[in-house]
Amino acid sequence: MSEFKRIPPEQAQTLREHGAVVVDVRDPATFAALHISGSKHLDNHSLHAFIQGADLDAPTVVVCYHGNSSQGAAAYLVSQGFSDVYSMDGGFELWRTTYPSETAQGTSE
């Protein structure tokens, strides 16, 4: 069984540029207010559908507020068969200061 990897925003951006799936596990209102461009909101209501439709071998980057909750979510995705999972250290708060132009408002695509 593989394990998730912790990465900084710069590595997350490189993975994103190469087609990685970015999932955000923050609450829906916070996600709608501002999130990483192209990311998908993931919560208890959307998790099952996401797992069912996902490519389990595609790189998947998990983002939360500060990089703590994403570790638990990343470990869960690994337990569900995902093979290339990353938890972004610093979370969205560090992302928005590092890449302010790579954010968007609204609901998940």
PDB file of N, CA and C in Angstrom:
ATOM      1  N   MET A   1       0.841  -1.184   0.000  1.00  0.00           N
ATOM      2  CA  MET A   1       0.000   0.000   0.000  1.00  0.00           C
ATOM      3  C   MET A   1       0.888   1.250   0.000  1.00  0.00           C
ATOM      4  N   SER A   2       0.551   2.179  -0.843  1.00  0.00           N
ATOM      5  CA  SER A   2       1.333   3.409  -0.899  1.00  0.00           C
ATOM      6  C   SER A   2       0.857   4.370   0.187  1.00  0.00           C
ATOM      7  N   GLU A   3       1.607   5.418   0.389  1.00  0.00           N
ATOM      8  CA  GLU A   3       1.240   6.453   1.337  1.00  0.00           C
ATOM      9  C   GLU A   3       1.209   7.784   0.605  1.00  0.00           C
ATOM     10  N   PHE A   4       0.497   8.747   1.173  1.00  0.00           N
ATOM     11  CA  PHE A   4       0.486  10.075   0.560  1.00  0.00           C
ATOM     12  C   PHE A   4       1.803  10.775   0.871  1.00  0.00           C
ATOM     13  N   LYS A   5       2.095  11.803   0.087  1.00  0.00           N
ATOM     14  CA  LYS A   5       3.307  12.595   0.273  1.00  0.00           C
ATOM     15  C   LYS A   5       2.918  14.025   0.621  1.00  0.00           C
ATOM     16  N   ARG A   6       3.656  14.646   1.519  1.00  0.00           N
ATOM     17  CA  ARG A   6       3.440  16.047   1.859  1.00  0.00           C
ATOM     18  C   ARG A   6       4.320  16.896   0.944  1.00  0.00           C
ATOM     19  N   ILE A   7       3.719  17.929   0.340  1.00  0.00           N
ATOM     20  CA  ILE A   7       4.453  18.757  -0.609  1.00  0.00           C
ATOM     21  C   ILE A   7       4.167  20.243  -0.364  1.00  0.00           C
ATOM     22  N   PRO A   8       5.098  21.111  -0.766  1.00  0.00           N
ATOM     23  CA  PRO A   8       4.865  22.552  -0.668  1.00  0.00           C
ATOM     24  C   PRO A   8       4.019  23.036  -1.852  1.00  0.00           C
ATOM     25  N   PRO A   9       3.478  24.248  -1.765  1.00  0.00           N
ATOM     26  CA  PRO A   9       2.660  24.782  -2.855  1.00  0.00           C
ATOM     27  C   PRO A   9       3.374  24.773  -4.213  1.00  0.00           C
ATOM     28  N   GLU A  10       4.670  25.013  -4.221  1.00  0.00           N
ATOM     29  CA  GLU A  10       5.393  25.046  -5.499  1.00  0.00           C
ATOM     30  C   GLU A  10       5.326  23.696  -6.211  1.00  0.00           C
ATOM     31  N   GLN A  11       5.460  22.605  -5.458  1.00  0.00           N
ATOM     32  CA  GLN A  11       5.364  21.277  -6.073  1.00  0.00           C
ATOM     33  C   GLN A  11       3.920  20.983  -6.467  1.00  0.00           C
ATOM     34  N   ALA A  12       2.961  21.449  -5.671  1.00  0.00           N
ATOM     35  CA  ALA A  12       1.545  21.278  -6.017  1.00  0.00           C
ATOM     36  C   ALA A  12       1.239  21.997  -7.329  1.00  0.00           C
ATOM     37  N   GLN A  13       1.800  23.191  -7.506  1.00  0.00           N
ATOM     38  CA  GLN A  13       1.574  23.950  -8.740  1.00  0.00           C
ATOM     39  C   GLN A  13       2.156  23.198  -9.935  1.00  0.00           C
ATOM     40  N   THR A  14       3.333  22.630  -9.795  1.00  0.00           N
ATOM     41  CA  THR A  14       3.940  21.856 -10.886  1.00  0.00           C
ATOM     42  C   THR A  14       3.057  20.668 -11.233  1.00  0.00           C
ATOM     43  N   LEU A  15       2.593  19.942 -10.233  1.00  0.00           N
ATOM     44  CA  LEU A  15       1.700  18.802 -10.482  1.00  0.00           C
ATOM     45  C   LEU A  15       0.416  19.262 -11.165  1.00  0.00           C
ATOM     46  N   ARG A  16      -0.129  20.373 -10.697  1.00  0.00           N
ATOM     47  CA  ARG A  16      -1.360  20.937 -11.270  1.00  0.00           C
ATOM     48  C   ARG A  16      -1.156  21.289 -12.744  1.00  0.00           C
ATOM     49  N   GLU A  17      -0.013  21.887 -13.054  1.00  0.00           N
ATOM     50  CA  GLU A  17       0.288  22.240 -14.445  1.00  0.00           C
ATOM     51  C   GLU A  17       0.390  21.011 -15.336  1.00  0.00           C
ATOM     52  N   HIS A  18       0.677  19.848 -14.728  1.00  0.00           N
ATOM     53  CA  HIS A  18       0.795  18.606 -15.483  1.00  0.00           C
ATOM     54  C   HIS A  18      -0.465  17.742 -15.365  1.00  0.00           C
ATOM     55  N   GLY A  19      -1.567  18.359 -14.950  1.00  0.00           N
ATOM     56  CA  GLY A  19      -2.852  17.672 -14.977  1.00  0.00           C
ATOM     57  C   GLY A  19      -3.305  16.997 -13.706  1.00  0.00           C
ATOM     58  N   ALA A  20      -2.627  17.217 -12.590  1.00  0.00           N
ATOM     59  CA  ALA A  20      -3.072  16.607 -11.331  1.00  0.00           C
ATOM     60  C   ALA A  20      -4.463  17.115 -10.953  1.00  0.00           C
ATOM     61  N   VAL A  21      -5.228  16.275 -10.306  1.00  0.00           N
ATOM     62  CA  VAL A  21      -6.529  16.646  -9.763  1.00  0.00           C
ATOM     63  C   VAL A  21      -6.283  17.324  -8.417  1.00  0.00           C
ATOM     64  N   VAL A  22      -6.879  18.497  -8.221  1.00  0.00           N
ATOM     65  CA  VAL A  22      -6.746  19.197  -6.953  1.00  0.00           C
ATOM     66  C   VAL A  22      -8.113  19.166  -6.270  1.00  0.00           C
ATOM     67  N   VAL A  23      -8.154  18.617  -5.049  1.00  0.00           N
ATOM     68  CA  VAL A  23      -9.397  18.576  -4.292  1.00  0.00           C
ATOM     69  C   VAL A  23      -9.240  19.393  -3.017  1.00  0.00           C
ATOM     70  N   ASP A  24     -10.281  20.136  -2.692  1.00  0.00           N
ATOM     71  CA  ASP A  24     -10.286  21.056  -1.560  1.00  0.00           C
ATOM     72  C   ASP A  24     -11.299  20.528  -0.539  1.00  0.00           C
ATOM     73  N   VAL A  25     -10.847  20.285   0.690  1.00  0.00           N
ATOM     74  CA  VAL A  25     -11.721  19.704   1.708  1.00  0.00           C
ATOM     75  C   VAL A  25     -12.199  20.740   2.741  1.00  0.00           C
ATOM     76  N   ARG A  26     -12.051  22.024   2.429  1.00  0.00           N
ATOM     77  CA  ARG A  26     -12.560  23.056   3.330  1.00  0.00           C
ATOM     78  C   ARG A  26     -14.092  23.096   3.236  1.00  0.00           C
ATOM     79  N   ASP A  27     -14.744  23.862   4.093  1.00  0.00           N
ATOM     80  CA  ASP A  27     -16.200  23.909   4.072  1.00  0.00           C
ATOM     81  C   ASP A  27     -16.705  24.587   2.794  1.00  0.00           C
ATOM     82  N   PRO A  28     -17.945  24.265   2.373  1.00  0.00           N
ATOM     83  CA  PRO A  28     -18.466  24.764   1.090  1.00  0.00           C
ATOM     84  C   PRO A  28     -18.463  26.279   0.957  1.00  0.00           C
ATOM     85  N   ALA A  29     -18.824  27.015   2.013  1.00  0.00           N
ATOM     86  CA  ALA A  29     -18.875  28.477   1.919  1.00  0.00           C
ATOM     87  C   ALA A  29     -17.477  29.065   1.720  1.00  0.00           C
ATOM     88  N   THR A  30     -16.503  28.533   2.412  1.00  0.00           N
ATOM     89  CA  THR A  30     -15.130  29.012   2.274  1.00  0.00           C
ATOM     90  C   THR A  30     -14.600  28.686   0.883  1.00  0.00           C
ATOM     91  N   PHE A  31     -14.889  27.480   0.400  1.00  0.00           N
ATOM     92  CA  PHE A  31     -14.479  27.098  -0.954  1.00  0.00           C
ATOM     93  C   PHE A  31     -15.086  28.051  -1.979  1.00  0.00           C
ATOM     94  N   ALA A  32     -16.391  28.327  -1.851  1.00  0.00           N
ATOM     95  CA  ALA A  32     -17.075  29.198  -2.810  1.00  0.00           C
ATOM     96  C   ALA A  32     -16.498  30.610  -2.790  1.00  0.00           C
ATOM     97  N   ALA A  33     -16.059  31.067  -1.607  1.00  0.00           N
ATOM     98  CA  ALA A  33     -15.503  32.417  -1.493  1.00  0.00           C
ATOM     99  C   ALA A  33     -14.194  32.545  -2.258  1.00  0.00           C
ATOM    100  N   LEU A  34     -13.315  31.526  -2.176  1.00  0.00           N
ATOM    101  CA  LEU A  34     -12.032  31.564  -2.882  1.00  0.00           C
ATOM    102  C   LEU A  34     -11.368  30.198  -2.777  1.00  0.00           C
ATOM    103  N   HIS A  35     -10.890  29.717  -3.917  1.00  0.00           N
ATOM    104  CA  HIS A  35     -10.228  28.409  -3.960  1.00  0.00           C
ATOM    105  C   HIS A  35      -9.204  28.384  -5.088  1.00  0.00           C
ATOM    106  N   ILE A  36      -8.425  27.323  -5.153  1.00  0.00           N
ATOM    107  CA  ILE A  36      -7.452  27.149  -6.229  1.00  0.00           C
ATOM    108  C   ILE A  36      -8.208  26.959  -7.528  1.00  0.00           C
ATOM    109  N   SER A  37      -7.838  27.702  -8.546  1.00  0.00           N
ATOM    110  CA  SER A  37      -8.499  27.597  -9.846  1.00  0.00           C
ATOM    111  C   SER A  37      -8.495  26.154 -10.328  1.00  0.00           C
ATOM    112  N   GLY A  38      -9.676  25.682 -10.737  1.00  0.00           N
ATOM    113  CA  GLY A  38      -9.800  24.332 -11.274  1.00  0.00           C
ATOM    114  C   GLY A  38      -9.935  23.233 -10.242  1.00  0.00           C
ATOM    115  N   SER A  39      -9.897  23.590  -8.952  1.00  0.00           N
ATOM    116  CA  SER A  39     -10.001  22.547  -7.924  1.00  0.00           C
ATOM    117  C   SER A  39     -11.456  22.114  -7.759  1.00  0.00           C
ATOM    118  N   LYS A  40     -11.619  20.938  -7.187  1.00  0.00           N
ATOM    119  CA  LYS A  40     -12.943  20.387  -6.918  1.00  0.00           C
ATOM    120  C   LYS A  40     -13.179  20.397  -5.413  1.00  0.00           C
ATOM    121  N   HIS A  41     -14.391  20.773  -5.015  1.00  0.00           N
ATOM    122  CA  HIS A  41     -14.728  20.725  -3.596  1.00  0.00           C
ATOM    123  C   HIS A  41     -15.103  19.298  -3.244  1.00  0.00           C
ATOM    124  N   LEU A  42     -14.579  18.825  -2.139  1.00  0.00           N
ATOM    125  CA  LEU A  42     -14.830  17.457  -1.698  1.00  0.00           C
ATOM    126  C   LEU A  42     -15.288  17.478  -0.249  1.00  0.00           C
ATOM    127  N   ASP A  43     -16.455  16.894   0.002  1.00  0.00           N
ATOM    128  CA  ASP A  43     -16.945  16.770   1.369  1.00  0.00           C
ATOM    129  C   ASP A  43     -17.652  15.432   1.510  1.00  0.00           C
ATOM    130  N   ASN A  44     -18.269  15.193   2.659  1.00  0.00           N
ATOM    131  CA  ASN A  44     -18.924  13.909   2.887  1.00  0.00           C
ATOM    132  C   ASN A  44     -20.020  13.616   1.871  1.00  0.00           C
ATOM    133  N   HIS A  45     -20.624  14.661   1.294  1.00  0.00           N
ATOM    134  CA  HIS A  45     -21.699  14.465   0.326  1.00  0.00           C
ATOM    135  C   HIS A  45     -21.181  14.128  -1.067  1.00  0.00           C
ATOM    136  N   SER A  46     -20.035  14.629  -1.434  1.00  0.00           N
ATOM    137  CA  SER A  46     -19.510  14.419  -2.791  1.00  0.00           C
ATOM    138  C   SER A  46     -18.414  13.361  -2.857  1.00  0.00           C
ATOM    139  N   LEU A  47     -17.953  12.894  -1.713  1.00  0.00           N
ATOM    140  CA  LEU A  47     -16.813  11.979  -1.667  1.00  0.00           C
ATOM    141  C   LEU A  47     -17.054  10.683  -2.429  1.00  0.00           C
ATOM    142  N   HIS A  48     -18.190  10.030  -2.203  1.00  0.00           N
ATOM    143  CA  HIS A  48     -18.463   8.741  -2.844  1.00  0.00           C
ATOM    144  C   HIS A  48     -18.462   8.877  -4.372  1.00  0.00           C
ATOM    145  N   ALA A  49     -19.155   9.886  -4.885  1.00  0.00           N
ATOM    146  CA  ALA A  49     -19.206  10.093  -6.334  1.00  0.00           C
ATOM    147  C   ALA A  49     -17.823  10.402  -6.890  1.00  0.00           C
ATOM    148  N   PHE A  50     -17.038  11.184  -6.149  1.00  0.00           N
ATOM    149  CA  PHE A  50     -15.682  11.501  -6.596  1.00  0.00           C
ATOM    150  C   PHE A  50     -14.852  10.230  -6.719  1.00  0.00           C
ATOM    151  N   ILE A  51     -14.896   9.381  -5.689  1.00  0.00           N
ATOM    152  CA  ILE A  51     -14.114   8.140  -5.706  1.00  0.00           C
ATOM    153  C   ILE A  51     -14.574   7.232  -6.839  1.00  0.00           C
ATOM    154  N   GLN A  52     -15.879   7.124  -7.031  1.00  0.00           N
ATOM    155  CA  GLN A  52     -16.414   6.256  -8.085  1.00  0.00           C
ATOM    156  C   GLN A  52     -15.966   6.702  -9.479  1.00  0.00           C
ATOM    157  N   GLY A  53     -15.853   8.017  -9.691  1.00  0.00           N
ATOM    158  CA  GLY A  53     -15.517   8.528 -11.016  1.00  0.00           C
ATOM    159  C   GLY A  53     -14.055   8.847 -11.227  1.00  0.00           C
ATOM    160  N   ALA A  54     -13.231   8.628 -10.220  1.00  0.00           N
ATOM    161  CA  ALA A  54     -11.830   9.059 -10.281  1.00  0.00           C
ATOM    162  C   ALA A  54     -10.932   8.022 -10.953  1.00  0.00           C
ATOM    163  N   ASP A  55      -9.877   8.526 -11.558  1.00  0.00           N
ATOM    164  CA  ASP A  55      -8.772   7.687 -12.017  1.00  0.00           C
ATOM    165  C   ASP A  55      -7.879   7.507 -10.793  1.00  0.00           C
ATOM    166  N   LEU A  56      -7.856   6.303 -10.249  1.00  0.00           N
ATOM    167  CA  LEU A  56      -7.137   6.063  -8.994  1.00  0.00           C
ATOM    168  C   LEU A  56      -5.626   6.223  -9.129  1.00  0.00           C
ATOM    169  N   ASP A  57      -5.117   6.239 -10.363  1.00  0.00           N
ATOM    170  CA  ASP A  57      -3.681   6.394 -10.581  1.00  0.00           C
ATOM    171  C   ASP A  57      -3.289   7.827 -10.937  1.00  0.00           C
ATOM    172  N   ALA A  58      -4.268   8.706 -11.100  1.00  0.00           N
ATOM    173  CA  ALA A  58      -3.965  10.107 -11.434  1.00  0.00           C
ATOM    174  C   ALA A  58      -3.421  10.818 -10.204  1.00  0.00           C
ATOM    175  N   PRO A  59      -2.429  11.684 -10.381  1.00  0.00           N
ATOM    176  CA  PRO A  59      -1.942  12.467  -9.239  1.00  0.00           C
ATOM    177  C   PRO A  59      -3.092  13.284  -8.643  1.00  0.00           C
ATOM    178  N   THR A  60      -3.243  13.227  -7.333  1.00  0.00           N
ATOM    179  CA  THR A  60      -4.320  13.926  -6.644  1.00  0.00           C
ATOM    180  C   THR A  60      -3.719  14.728  -5.491  1.00  0.00           C
ATOM    181  N   VAL A  61      -3.960  16.040  -5.504  1.00  0.00           N
ATOM    182  CA  VAL A  61      -3.442  16.938  -4.472  1.00  0.00           C
ATOM    183  C   VAL A  61      -4.608  17.358  -3.587  1.00  0.00           C
ATOM    184  N   VAL A  62      -4.481  17.126  -2.279  1.00  0.00           N
ATOM    185  CA  VAL A  62      -5.529  17.475  -1.320  1.00  0.00           C
ATOM    186  C   VAL A  62      -5.130  18.752  -0.587  1.00  0.00           C
ATOM    187  N   VAL A  63      -6.090  19.698  -0.524  1.00  0.00           N
ATOM    188  CA  VAL A  63      -5.855  21.011   0.081  1.00  0.00           C
ATOM    189  C   VAL A  63      -6.905  21.263   1.156  1.00  0.00           C
ATOM    190  N   CYS A  64      -6.475  21.866   2.264  1.00  0.00           N
ATOM    191  CA  CYS A  64      -7.407  22.297   3.312  1.00  0.00           C
ATOM    192  C   CYS A  64      -7.042  23.739   3.675  1.00  0.00           C
ATOM    193  N   TYR A  65      -7.343  24.152   4.895  1.00  0.00           N
ATOM    194  CA  TYR A  65      -7.038  25.517   5.333  1.00  0.00           C
ATOM    195  C   TYR A  65      -5.543  25.750   5.505  1.00  0.00           C
ATOM    196  N   HIS A  66      -4.894  24.915   6.331  1.00  0.00           N
ATOM    197  CA  HIS A  66      -3.496  25.141   6.686  1.00  0.00           C
ATOM    198  C   HIS A  66      -2.595  23.926   6.479  1.00  0.00           C
ATOM    199  N   GLY A  67      -3.131  22.823   5.954  1.00  0.00           N
ATOM    200  CA  GLY A  67      -2.304  21.655   5.686  1.00  0.00           C
ATOM    201  C   GLY A  67      -2.426  20.526   6.693  1.00  0.00           C
ATOM    202  N   ASN A  68      -3.383  20.621   7.614  1.00  0.00           N
ATOM    203  CA  ASN A  68      -3.550  19.563   8.611  1.00  0.00           C
ATOM    204  C   ASN A  68      -4.652  18.579   8.234  1.00  0.00           C
ATOM    205  N   SER A  69      -5.862  19.081   7.999  1.00  0.00           N
ATOM    206  CA  SER A  69      -6.990  18.212   7.636  1.00  0.00           C
ATOM    207  C   SER A  69      -6.731  17.477   6.333  1.00  0.00           C
ATOM    208  N   SER A  70      -5.968  18.093   5.437  1.00  0.00           N
ATOM    209  CA  SER A  70      -5.692  17.455   4.145  1.00  0.00           C
ATOM    210  C   SER A  70      -4.905  16.159   4.314  1.00  0.00           C
ATOM    211  N   GLN A  71      -4.136  16.058   5.384  1.00  0.00           N
ATOM    212  CA  GLN A  71      -3.372  14.831   5.603  1.00  0.00           C
ATOM    213  C   GLN A  71      -4.300  13.654   5.890  1.00  0.00           C
ATOM    214  N   GLY A  72      -5.325  13.876   6.699  1.00  0.00           N
ATOM    215  CA  GLY A  72      -6.295  12.824   6.981  1.00  0.00           C
ATOM    216  C   GLY A  72      -7.068  12.436   5.737  1.00  0.00           C
ATOM    217  N   ALA A  73      -7.458  13.437   4.950  1.00  0.00           N
ATOM    218  CA  ALA A  73      -8.198  13.170   3.716  1.00  0.00           C
ATOM    219  C   ALA A  73      -7.317  12.433   2.713  1.00  0.00           C
ATOM    220  N   ALA A  74      -6.054  12.821   2.633  1.00  0.00           N
ATOM    221  CA  ALA A  74      -5.125  12.149   1.719  1.00  0.00           C
ATOM    222  C   ALA A  74      -4.939  10.692   2.125  1.00  0.00           C
ATOM    223  N   ALA A  75      -4.792  10.438   3.420  1.00  0.00           N
ATOM    224  CA  ALA A  75      -4.648   9.066   3.906  1.00  0.00           C
ATOM    225  C   ALA A  75      -5.898   8.253   3.574  1.00  0.00           C
ATOM    226  N   TYR A  76      -7.062   8.866   3.687  1.00  0.00           N
ATOM    227  CA  TYR A  76      -8.305   8.171   3.354  1.00  0.00           C
ATOM    228  C   TYR A  76      -8.340   7.812   1.869  1.00  0.00           C
ATOM    229  N   LEU A  77      -7.955   8.740   0.998  1.00  0.00           N
ATOM    230  CA  LEU A  77      -7.944   8.444  -0.442  1.00  0.00           C
ATOM    231  C   LEU A  77      -6.989   7.296  -0.752  1.00  0.00           C
ATOM    232  N   VAL A  78      -5.836   7.270  -0.104  1.00  0.00           N
ATOM    233  CA  VAL A  78      -4.898   6.158  -0.281  1.00  0.00           C
ATOM    234  C   VAL A  78      -5.580   4.848   0.140  1.00  0.00           C
ATOM    235  N   SER A  79      -6.307   4.882   1.251  1.00  0.00           N
ATOM    236  CA  SER A  79      -6.982   3.666   1.736  1.00  0.00           C
ATOM    237  C   SER A  79      -8.082   3.203   0.782  1.00  0.00           C
ATOM    238  N   GLN A  80      -8.550   4.116  -0.067  1.00  0.00           N
ATOM    239  CA  GLN A  80      -9.590   3.776  -1.040  1.00  0.00           C
ATOM    240  C   GLN A  80      -9.014   3.363  -2.387  1.00  0.00           C
ATOM    241  N   GLY A  81      -7.681   3.253  -2.476  1.00  0.00           N
ATOM    242  CA  GLY A  81      -7.063   2.748  -3.687  1.00  0.00           C
ATOM    243  C   GLY A  81      -6.335   3.766  -4.542  1.00  0.00           C
ATOM    244  N   PHE A  82      -6.362   5.025  -4.144  1.00  0.00           N
ATOM    245  CA  PHE A  82      -5.612   6.042  -4.893  1.00  0.00           C
ATOM    246  C   PHE A  82      -4.120   5.776  -4.696  1.00  0.00           C
ATOM    247  N   SER A  83      -3.353   5.884  -5.778  1.00  0.00           N
ATOM    248  CA  SER A  83      -1.941   5.495  -5.687  1.00  0.00           C
ATOM    249  C   SER A  83      -0.958   6.667  -5.699  1.00  0.00           C
ATOM    250  N   ASP A  84      -1.410   7.875  -6.053  1.00  0.00           N
ATOM    251  CA  ASP A  84      -0.496   9.011  -6.206  1.00  0.00           C
ATOM    252  C   ASP A  84      -1.126  10.238  -5.545  1.00  0.00           C
ATOM    253  N   VAL A  85      -1.077  10.285  -4.211  1.00  0.00           N
ATOM    254  CA  VAL A  85      -1.795  11.297  -3.438  1.00  0.00           C
ATOM    255  C   VAL A  85      -0.819  12.196  -2.695  1.00  0.00           C
ATOM    256  N   TYR A  86      -1.150  13.497  -2.680  1.00  0.00           N
ATOM    257  CA  TYR A  86      -0.312  14.508  -2.030  1.00  0.00           C
ATOM    258  C   TYR A  86      -1.164  15.367  -1.107  1.00  0.00           C
ATOM    259  N   SER A  87      -0.609  15.749   0.026  1.00  0.00           N
ATOM    260  CA  SER A  87      -1.225  16.720   0.926  1.00  0.00           C
ATOM    261  C   SER A  87      -0.369  17.980   0.847  1.00  0.00           C
ATOM    262  N   MET A  88      -1.013  19.115   0.550  1.00  0.00           N
ATOM    263  CA  MET A  88      -0.245  20.344   0.387  1.00  0.00           C
ATOM    264  C   MET A  88      -0.014  21.026   1.730  1.00  0.00           C
ATOM    265  N   ASP A  89       1.247  21.105   2.127  1.00  0.00           N
ATOM    266  CA  ASP A  89       1.629  21.795   3.356  1.00  0.00           C
ATOM    267  C   ASP A  89       1.274  23.283   3.257  1.00  0.00           C
ATOM    268  N   GLY A  90       0.802  23.837   4.348  1.00  0.00           N
ATOM    269  CA  GLY A  90       0.445  25.256   4.375  1.00  0.00           C
ATOM    270  C   GLY A  90      -0.971  25.520   3.922  1.00  0.00           C
ATOM    271  N   GLY A  91      -1.590  24.563   3.263  1.00  0.00           N
ATOM    272  CA  GLY A  91      -2.971  24.676   2.828  1.00  0.00           C
ATOM    273  C   GLY A  91      -3.249  25.852   1.912  1.00  0.00           C
ATOM    274  N   PHE A  92      -4.538  26.143   1.783  1.00  0.00           N
ATOM    275  CA  PHE A  92      -4.955  27.226   0.895  1.00  0.00           C
ATOM    276  C   PHE A  92      -4.404  28.568   1.346  1.00  0.00           C
ATOM    277  N   GLU A  93      -4.256  28.746   2.646  1.00  0.00           N
ATOM    278  CA  GLU A  93      -3.746  30.024   3.142  1.00  0.00           C
ATOM    279  C   GLU A  93      -2.353  30.329   2.585  1.00  0.00           C
ATOM    280  N   LEU A  94      -1.487  29.328   2.527  1.00  0.00           N
ATOM    281  CA  LEU A  94      -0.163  29.540   1.952  1.00  0.00           C
ATOM    282  C   LEU A  94      -0.253  29.647   0.430  1.00  0.00           C
ATOM    283  N   TRP A  95      -1.134  28.866  -0.188  1.00  0.00           N
ATOM    284  CA  TRP A  95      -1.304  28.916  -1.639  1.00  0.00           C
ATOM    285  C   TRP A  95      -1.687  30.322  -2.095  1.00  0.00           C
ATOM    286  N   ARG A  96      -2.665  30.930  -1.419  1.00  0.00           N
ATOM    287  CA  ARG A  96      -3.163  32.227  -1.902  1.00  0.00           C
ATOM    288  C   ARG A  96      -2.140  33.335  -1.749  1.00  0.00           C
ATOM    289  N   THR A  97      -1.180  33.184  -0.829  1.00  0.00           N
ATOM    290  CA  THR A  97      -0.122  34.186  -0.747  1.00  0.00           C
ATOM    291  C   THR A  97       0.999  33.878  -1.749  1.00  0.00           C
ATOM    292  N   THR A  98       1.152  32.602  -2.113  1.00  0.00           N
ATOM    293  CA  THR A  98       2.187  32.202  -3.060  1.00  0.00           C
ATOM    294  C   THR A  98       1.724  32.406  -4.506  1.00  0.00           C
ATOM    295  N   TYR A  99       0.462  32.066  -4.791  1.00  0.00           N
ATOM    296  CA  TYR A  99      -0.097  32.141  -6.150  1.00  0.00           C
ATOM    297  C   TYR A  99      -1.437  32.876  -6.141  1.00  0.00           C
ATOM    298  N   PRO A 100      -1.448  34.169  -5.803  1.00  0.00           N
ATOM    299  CA  PRO A 100      -2.726  34.884  -5.709  1.00  0.00           C
ATOM    300  C   PRO A 100      -3.512  34.927  -7.025  1.00  0.00           C
ATOM    301  N   SER A 101      -2.837  34.856  -8.150  1.00  0.00           N
ATOM    302  CA  SER A 101      -3.555  34.897  -9.434  1.00  0.00           C
ATOM    303  C   SER A 101      -4.125  33.543  -9.833  1.00  0.00           C
ATOM    304  N   GLU A 102      -3.792  32.488  -9.069  1.00  0.00           N
ATOM    305  CA  GLU A 102      -4.276  31.137  -9.379  1.00  0.00           C
ATOM    306  C   GLU A 102      -5.405  30.738  -8.448  1.00  0.00           C
ATOM    307  N   THR A 103      -6.307  31.711  -8.171  1.00  0.00           N
ATOM    308  CA  THR A 103      -7.461  31.442  -7.320  1.00  0.00           C
ATOM    309  C   THR A 103      -8.728  31.839  -8.072  1.00  0.00           C
ATOM    310  N   ALA A 104      -9.858  31.289  -7.623  1.00  0.00           N
ATOM    311  CA  ALA A 104     -11.135  31.579  -8.272  1.00  0.00           C
ATOM    312  C   ALA A 104     -12.225  31.606  -7.209  1.00  0.00           C
ATOM    313  N   GLN A 105     -13.364  32.201  -7.579  1.00  0.00           N
ATOM    314  CA  GLN A 105     -14.529  32.215  -6.708  1.00  0.00           C
ATOM    315  C   GLN A 105     -15.620  31.354  -7.319  1.00  0.00           C
ATOM    316  N   GLY A 106     -16.595  30.960  -6.518  1.00  0.00           N
ATOM    317  CA  GLY A 106     -17.733  30.191  -7.008  1.00  0.00           C
ATOM    318  C   GLY A 106     -17.657  28.749  -6.571  1.00  0.00           C
ATOM    319  N   THR A 107     -18.609  27.970  -7.075  1.00  0.00           N
ATOM    320  CA  THR A 107     -18.697  26.571  -6.693  1.00  0.00           C
ATOM    321  C   THR A 107     -17.831  25.711  -7.576  1.00  0.00           C
ATOM    322  N   SER A 108     -17.711  24.466  -7.209  1.00  0.00           N
ATOM    323  CA  SER A 108     -16.856  23.498  -7.913  1.00  0.00           C
ATOM    324  C   SER A 108     -17.280  23.340  -9.362  1.00  0.00           C
ATOM    325  N   GLU A 109     -16.275  23.128 -10.223  1.00  0.00           N
ATOM    326  CA  GLU A 109     -16.564  22.915 -11.641  1.00  0.00           C
ATOM    327  C   GLU A 109     -17.264  21.601 -11.851  1.00  0.00           C
TER     328      GLU A 109
END
